């Protein structure tokens, strides 16, 4: 977490949390969801505005974490902005050395591969669960043929409880 964020948290400890305003889709893209977008429906049916500003995306990536309840958030100065997750807390891109890289830039090592009832592919790593980016599913298939990871069939609905994450913190408030 950025030092400036830690300083802001110490200076203003009682800033209310923010829910519903930020979403992470299944391709690792961040979306800003204002009141009008939220009124149109839940994420991802009503996504909002795609964030494309490189410095803002890097700031989000550096300050992305989860709380004790499994809710993922972006610490924006003194305020926690809870994230609506389309699929999982991470979206993985496969790297040439066998590691995977999250939408945050963090590298991790896959330990297991999960495939849900819709054919979506997830990898379990030391950082947690992440959906494999749709462009990298073929590379995962190659890894499975080479028996790099054990494979398991799962129901997508079972993943939040099993891996301890909350897909929609806004729906809990």
Protein backbone atom coordinates (compact mmCIF):
# COMPACT_ATOMS: atom_id res chain seq x y z
CA UNK A 1 0.00 0.00 0.00
CA UNK A 2 1.26 3.48 -0.85
CA UNK A 3 2.71 5.53 2.03
CA UNK A 4 0.50 8.49 1.11
CA UNK A 5 -2.54 6.23 1.50
CA UNK A 6 -1.37 5.05 4.93
CA UNK A 7 -0.84 8.67 6.00
CA UNK A 8 -4.33 9.64 4.83
CA UNK A 9 -5.83 6.69 6.73
CA UNK A 10 -4.07 7.83 9.92
CA UNK A 11 -5.12 11.47 9.43
CA UNK A 12 -8.79 10.69 8.64
CA UNK A 13 -9.63 7.36 10.31
CA UNK A 14 -13.43 7.63 10.14
CA UNK A 15 -14.14 8.14 6.45
CA UNK A 16 -17.16 6.01 5.44
CA UNK A 17 -16.63 3.07 3.13
CA UNK A 18 -17.86 3.25 -0.45
CA UNK A 19 -19.91 0.44 -2.03
CA UNK A 20 -20.94 -0.27 -5.61
CA UNK A 21 -18.76 2.34 -7.31
CA UNK A 22 -15.96 0.12 -8.66
CA UNK A 23 -16.19 -3.14 -10.59
CA UNK A 24 -13.67 -5.69 -11.86
CA UNK A 25 -14.85 -7.65 -14.88
CA UNK A 26 -13.85 -11.11 -16.12
CA UNK A 27 -11.17 -9.63 -18.38
CA UNK A 28 -9.39 -7.76 -15.56
CA UNK A 29 -10.80 -4.35 -16.50
CA UNK A 30 -11.87 -1.81 -13.91
CA UNK A 31 -15.16 0.08 -14.24
CA UNK A 32 -16.35 3.22 -12.45
CA UNK A 33 -20.03 2.94 -11.55
CA UNK A 34 -21.72 6.20 -10.61
CA UNK A 35 -25.22 6.51 -9.10
CA UNK A 36 -26.92 6.46 -12.52
CA UNK A 37 -25.12 3.25 -13.55
CA UNK A 38 -25.87 1.58 -10.22
CA UNK A 39 -29.56 2.47 -10.61
CA UNK A 40 -29.59 0.52 -13.89
CA UNK A 41 -28.65 -2.74 -12.17
CA UNK A 42 -25.99 -4.86 -10.54
CA UNK A 43 -22.48 -5.39 -11.88
CA UNK A 44 -21.66 -6.72 -14.47
CA UNK A 45 -25.01 -6.26 -16.22
CA UNK A 46 -24.57 -2.53 -15.69
CA UNK A 47 -20.81 -2.00 -15.91
CA UNK A 48 -20.27 1.75 -16.05
CA UNK A 49 -17.27 3.59 -17.48
CA UNK A 50 -14.11 1.68 -18.35
CA UNK A 51 -11.11 3.10 -16.50
CA UNK A 52 -8.20 3.63 -18.87
CA UNK A 53 -5.96 6.21 -17.16
CA UNK A 54 -2.66 4.36 -16.64
CA UNK A 55 -1.65 6.14 -13.42
CA UNK A 56 -5.08 5.60 -11.87
CA UNK A 57 -4.98 1.90 -12.80
CA UNK A 58 -1.51 1.59 -11.28
CA UNK A 59 -2.72 3.34 -8.09
CA UNK A 60 -5.65 0.94 -7.82
CA UNK A 61 -3.33 -2.03 -8.37
CA UNK A 62 -0.94 -0.95 -5.62
CA UNK A 63 -3.75 -0.42 -3.14
CA UNK A 64 -5.95 -3.46 -3.86
CA UNK A 65 -6.53 -5.78 -0.90
CA UNK A 66 -9.18 -7.71 1.00
CA UNK A 67 -10.62 -7.33 4.46
CA UNK A 68 -11.27 -10.02 7.07
CA UNK A 69 -14.73 -10.69 5.59
CA UNK A 70 -13.34 -11.50 2.13
CA UNK A 71 -14.48 -8.23 0.57
CA UNK A 72 -11.97 -6.86 -1.94
CA UNK A 73 -11.38 -3.13 -1.99
CA UNK A 74 -9.24 -0.33 -3.35
CA UNK A 75 -7.89 1.85 -0.55
CA UNK A 76 -8.36 5.35 -1.99
CA UNK A 77 -6.64 7.54 0.56
CA UNK A 78 -8.66 7.24 3.78
CA UNK A 79 -11.65 5.63 2.03
CA UNK A 80 -12.18 1.98 1.18
CA UNK A 81 -13.87 1.54 -2.17
CA UNK A 82 -15.27 -1.99 -2.20
CA UNK A 83 -15.09 -3.83 -5.53
CA UNK A 84 -17.89 -5.65 -7.33
CA UNK A 85 -16.33 -8.81 -8.78
CA UNK A 86 -17.71 -10.39 -11.94
CA UNK A 87 -15.90 -13.68 -11.37
CA UNK A 88 -13.02 -13.66 -8.86
CA UNK A 89 -10.62 -11.29 -7.06
CA UNK A 90 -7.93 -11.79 -9.70
CA UNK A 91 -7.81 -12.19 -13.46
CA UNK A 92 -4.72 -14.10 -14.55
CA UNK A 93 -2.60 -13.73 -17.66
CA UNK A 94 -0.17 -16.58 -18.26
CA UNK A 95 3.51 -15.67 -18.45
CA UNK A 96 6.25 -17.42 -20.44
CA UNK A 97 8.00 -18.71 -17.30
CA UNK A 98 4.93 -20.56 -16.03
CA UNK A 99 3.83 -17.87 -13.60
CA UNK A 100 0.59 -15.97 -13.90
CA UNK A 101 0.18 -12.22 -13.62
CA UNK A 102 -2.85 -10.58 -12.06
CA UNK A 103 -4.60 -7.46 -13.28
CA UNK A 104 -2.66 -5.74 -10.49
CA UNK A 105 0.70 -6.79 -11.95
CA UNK A 106 1.39 -9.23 -9.09
CA UNK A 107 2.99 -12.52 -10.09
CA UNK A 108 1.89 -15.84 -8.64
CA UNK A 109 2.50 -19.55 -9.15
CA UNK A 110 -0.50 -21.76 -10.04
CA UNK A 111 -1.15 -24.69 -7.73
CA UNK A 112 -4.41 -26.03 -9.16
CA UNK A 113 -6.77 -25.52 -12.07
CA UNK A 114 -10.54 -25.37 -11.71
CA UNK A 115 -13.11 -25.51 -14.52
CA UNK A 116 -16.69 -24.44 -13.87
CA UNK A 117 -19.95 -25.56 -15.47
CA UNK A 118 -19.65 -22.85 -18.14
CA UNK A 119 -16.12 -23.87 -19.09
CA UNK A 120 -14.48 -20.90 -17.37
CA UNK A 121 -11.00 -21.68 -16.11
CA UNK A 122 -9.63 -20.57 -12.74
CA UNK A 123 -6.21 -20.98 -11.20
CA UNK A 124 -5.54 -21.26 -7.49
CA UNK A 125 -2.33 -19.55 -6.36
CA UNK A 126 -0.67 -18.40 -3.16
CA UNK A 127 -2.39 -15.02 -3.72
CA UNK A 128 -5.81 -16.60 -4.08
CA UNK A 129 -8.26 -17.55 -6.78
CA UNK A 130 -8.33 -15.92 -10.17
CA UNK A 131 -10.11 -16.38 -13.46
CA UNK A 132 -7.87 -17.06 -16.44
CA UNK A 133 -8.18 -14.34 -19.08
CA UNK A 134 -10.12 -15.66 -22.06
CA UNK A 135 -7.13 -15.12 -24.37
CA UNK A 136 -5.00 -17.50 -22.27
CA UNK A 137 -7.33 -20.50 -21.97
CA UNK A 138 -5.42 -22.30 -24.75
CA UNK A 139 -2.19 -21.91 -22.79
CA UNK A 140 -3.88 -23.41 -19.73
CA UNK A 141 -5.01 -26.35 -21.85
CA UNK A 142 -1.38 -26.89 -22.86
CA UNK A 143 -0.37 -26.78 -19.17
CA UNK A 144 -3.02 -29.34 -18.27
CA UNK A 145 -1.80 -31.67 -21.03
CA UNK A 146 1.67 -31.36 -19.53
CA UNK A 147 0.15 -32.10 -16.09
CA UNK A 148 1.47 -28.87 -14.56
CA UNK A 149 -1.49 -28.64 -12.16
CA UNK A 150 -4.26 -30.87 -10.93
CA UNK A 151 -7.63 -30.14 -12.54
CA UNK A 152 -10.99 -30.12 -10.77
CA UNK A 153 -14.52 -29.48 -11.99
CA UNK A 154 -16.44 -27.02 -9.81
CA UNK A 155 -19.65 -25.04 -9.66
CA UNK A 156 -18.97 -21.32 -10.02
CA UNK A 157 -21.47 -20.64 -7.24
CA UNK A 158 -19.30 -22.61 -4.79
CA UNK A 159 -16.14 -20.57 -5.35
CA UNK A 160 -16.84 -17.53 -3.12
CA UNK A 161 -17.44 -19.65 -0.01
CA UNK A 162 -14.62 -22.07 -0.78
CA UNK A 163 -12.05 -19.34 -1.43
CA UNK A 164 -13.38 -16.76 1.01
CA UNK A 165 -14.33 -13.83 -1.21
CA UNK A 166 -17.47 -11.73 -1.54
CA UNK A 167 -18.51 -11.10 -5.17
CA UNK A 168 -20.75 -8.14 -4.31
CA UNK A 169 -20.01 -6.24 -1.11
CA UNK A 170 -22.72 -3.73 -2.15
CA UNK A 171 -25.39 -6.41 -1.91
CA UNK A 172 -24.37 -7.09 1.70
CA UNK A 173 -24.94 -3.52 2.88
